[in-house]
Amino acid sequence: MFIGELSRRTGVSTRSLRYYEQQGLLRPQRRASGYREFDESDVAAVRRVRILLAAGLNTDLIREVLPCMADEGAILAPTCEEMAQDLKHERERLSRSIEQLQAAHAMLGSIIHAGEAITARVAATDRDATPQRTPPQPRRRHLTDPDASGVASIRRPNQ
């Protein structure tokens, strides 16, 4: 099958499939014309790549662990012990990243809350200290009828 058919069957764009090939995740056969030719095993390989990407792995790590992955229904299972350890280390790295993001999220929430409190105090002080004034209105401009050339001129009222 050609790349378009593999794209339709897997729901992955042809651009992504070319990227997977560039990263060494797919190895299609090449015809004399240069066209890529994929087989049924590539459909399963793309599925495994998508699962591992969704699990947060980068393509370098996927290239390493992909040969040691077995399909277990809707999920994959590592078949090599060293790969299982690599996956555990990656999960720990993701946990640290999540903790850092949660700390940043909390800090940003504190900053926003402090800013809202200051803004509310300043607004209340300004309301109490100054009488309400309406800002001056800009002078209105009116378009007149187009002149003989078809161009409308602008005139100001009371000029």
Protein backbone atom coordinates (compact mmCIF):
# COMPACT_ATOMS: atom_id res chain seq x y z
CA MET A 1 0.00 0.00 0.00
CA PHE A 2 1.15 3.56 -0.64
CA ILE A 3 1.48 6.29 1.97
CA GLY A 4 -2.00 7.72 1.27
CA GLU A 5 -3.64 4.37 1.99
CA LEU A 6 -1.61 3.95 5.19
CA SER A 7 -2.69 7.45 6.20
CA ARG A 8 -6.37 6.62 5.61
CA ARG A 9 -6.14 3.31 7.47
CA THR A 10 -4.34 4.75 10.52
CA GLY A 11 -5.81 8.26 10.68
CA VAL A 12 -2.28 9.70 10.69
CA SER A 13 -1.27 12.41 8.23
CA THR A 14 1.14 11.60 5.42
CA ARG A 15 3.44 14.28 6.83
CA SER A 16 3.57 12.46 10.19
CA LEU A 17 4.20 9.14 8.44
CA ARG A 18 7.15 10.66 6.58
CA TYR A 19 8.42 12.01 9.89
CA TYR A 20 8.12 8.57 11.49
CA GLU A 21 10.17 7.17 8.62
CA GLN A 22 12.77 9.93 9.02
CA GLN A 23 13.02 9.10 12.73
CA GLY A 24 13.52 5.39 11.99
CA LEU A 25 10.12 4.34 13.36
CA LEU A 26 8.91 3.02 9.99
CA ARG A 27 10.98 1.35 7.29
CA PRO A 28 8.89 1.08 4.13
CA GLN A 29 10.14 -0.64 1.00
CA ARG A 30 11.00 1.65 -1.91
CA ARG A 31 9.92 0.96 -5.44
CA ALA A 32 12.22 1.72 -8.36
CA SER A 33 10.13 4.86 -8.87
CA GLY A 34 10.98 6.00 -5.35
CA TYR A 35 7.47 5.53 -4.00
CA ARG A 36 7.17 4.16 -0.48
CA GLU A 37 5.40 0.84 -0.16
CA PHE A 38 3.98 -0.18 3.21
CA ASP A 39 2.50 -3.48 4.34
CA GLU A 40 0.12 -4.64 7.07
CA SER A 41 2.85 -4.67 9.71
CA ASP A 42 3.26 -0.91 9.20
CA VAL A 43 -0.39 -0.36 10.17
CA ALA A 44 0.34 -2.05 13.51
CA ALA A 45 3.65 -0.17 13.87
CA VAL A 46 1.91 3.19 13.42
CA ARG A 47 -0.64 2.18 16.05
CA ARG A 48 2.17 1.34 18.51
CA VAL A 49 3.97 4.61 17.76
CA ARG A 50 0.78 6.60 18.40
CA ILE A 51 0.21 4.83 21.74
CA LEU A 52 3.78 5.54 22.85
CA LEU A 53 3.56 9.18 21.76
CA ALA A 54 0.32 9.52 23.72
CA ALA A 55 2.17 8.07 26.73
CA GLY A 56 4.56 11.02 26.56
CA LEU A 57 7.58 9.31 25.01
CA ASN A 58 9.72 11.13 22.47
CA THR A 59 10.61 9.57 19.14
CA ASP A 60 14.20 8.77 20.22
CA LEU A 61 12.95 6.66 23.12
CA ILE A 62 10.19 5.14 20.98
CA ARG A 63 12.82 4.02 18.45
CA GLU A 64 14.61 2.19 21.27
CA VAL A 65 11.59 0.55 22.91
CA LEU A 66 9.46 -0.21 19.83
CA PRO A 67 11.16 -3.57 19.05
CA CYS A 68 10.44 -4.71 22.63
CA MET A 69 6.73 -3.86 22.60
CA ALA A 70 4.00 -6.45 22.22
CA ASP A 71 0.36 -5.71 21.48
CA GLU A 72 -1.85 -6.66 24.40
CA GLY A 73 -5.24 -5.66 23.07
CA ALA A 74 -5.80 -1.93 23.52
CA ILE A 75 -2.43 -1.38 25.21
CA LEU A 76 1.23 -2.29 24.70
CA ALA A 77 3.45 -4.32 27.01
CA PRO A 78 7.25 -4.26 27.19
CA THR A 79 8.81 -7.66 26.50
CA CYS A 80 12.40 -6.72 27.47
CA GLU A 81 13.22 -6.07 31.14
CA GLU A 82 15.64 -3.22 30.37
CA MET A 83 12.92 -1.48 28.37
CA ALA A 84 10.53 -1.79 31.28
CA GLN A 85 13.12 0.01 33.42
CA ASP A 86 13.53 2.75 30.81
CA LEU A 87 9.76 3.24 30.80
CA LYS A 88 9.71 3.50 34.60
CA HIS A 89 12.42 6.19 34.46
CA GLU A 90 10.41 8.07 31.84
CA ARG A 91 7.32 7.90 34.05
CA GLU A 92 9.35 9.35 36.95
CA ARG A 93 10.55 12.18 34.68
CA LEU A 94 6.94 12.91 33.69
CA SER A 95 5.92 12.94 37.38
CA ARG A 96 8.60 15.52 38.14
CA SER A 97 7.45 17.65 35.21
CA ILE A 98 3.85 17.45 36.42
CA GLU A 99 4.90 18.56 39.91
CA GLN A 100 6.83 21.51 38.46
CA LEU A 101 3.86 22.52 36.32
CA GLN A 102 1.50 22.26 39.30
CA ALA A 103 3.84 24.48 41.36
CA ALA A 104 4.00 27.02 38.53
CA HIS A 105 0.20 26.89 38.19
CA ALA A 106 -0.25 27.57 41.91
CA MET A 107 2.26 30.45 41.84
CA LEU A 108 0.52 32.02 38.87
CA GLY A 109 -2.83 31.69 40.66
CA SER A 110 -1.38 33.50 43.70
CA ILE A 111 -0.05 36.30 41.51
CA ILE A 112 -3.39 36.70 39.76
CA HIS A 113 -5.27 36.71 43.07
CA ALA A 114 -2.91 39.34 44.56
CA GLY A 115 -3.32 41.49 41.45
CA GLU A 116 -7.12 41.27 41.60
CA ALA A 117 -7.08 42.36 45.26
CA ILE A 118 -4.88 45.38 44.49
CA THR A 119 -6.97 46.35 41.47
CA ALA A 120 -10.18 46.15 43.52
CA ARG A 121 -8.69 48.37 46.27
CA VAL A 122 -7.45 50.96 43.75
CA ALA A 123 -10.81 51.01 41.98
CA ALA A 124 -12.67 51.50 45.28
CA THR A 125 -10.30 54.32 46.31
CA ASP A 126 -10.66 56.05 42.95
CA ARG A 127 -14.46 55.85 43.12
CA ASP A 128 -14.53 57.41 46.57
CA ALA A 129 -11.91 60.11 45.89
CA THR A 130 -12.96 61.58 42.57
CA PRO A 131 -16.34 62.63 41.27
CA GLN A 132 -17.56 60.80 38.22
CA ARG A 133 -16.86 62.71 35.03
CA THR A 134 -17.82 61.76 31.57
CA PRO A 135 -14.84 61.76 29.23
CA PRO A 136 -14.93 64.23 26.37
CA GLN A 137 -16.53 62.85 23.25
CA PRO A 138 -14.49 62.82 20.06
CA ARG A 139 -15.69 65.11 17.32
CA ARG A 140 -17.88 63.28 14.87
CA ARG A 141 -17.04 63.15 11.23
CA HIS A 142 -19.65 62.73 8.55
CA LEU A 143 -19.25 61.43 5.06
CA THR A 144 -20.85 63.61 2.46
CA ASP A 145 -22.14 62.48 -0.88
CA PRO A 146 -19.42 61.48 -3.32
CA ASP A 147 -18.25 64.26 -5.57
CA ALA A 148 -18.14 63.95 -9.34
CA SER A 149 -15.04 61.75 -9.15
CA GLY A 150 -16.88 59.24 -6.94
CA VAL A 151 -14.75 60.03 -3.87
CA ALA A 152 -16.54 60.95 -0.66
CA SER A 153 -15.14 63.88 1.23
CA ILE A 154 -15.14 64.24 5.01
CA ARG A 155 -16.61 67.27 6.68
CA ARG A 156 -16.88 68.15 10.34
CA PRO A 157 -20.20 69.46 11.68
CA ASN A 158 -20.37 73.18 12.50
CA GLN A 159 -17.43 74.16 10.32
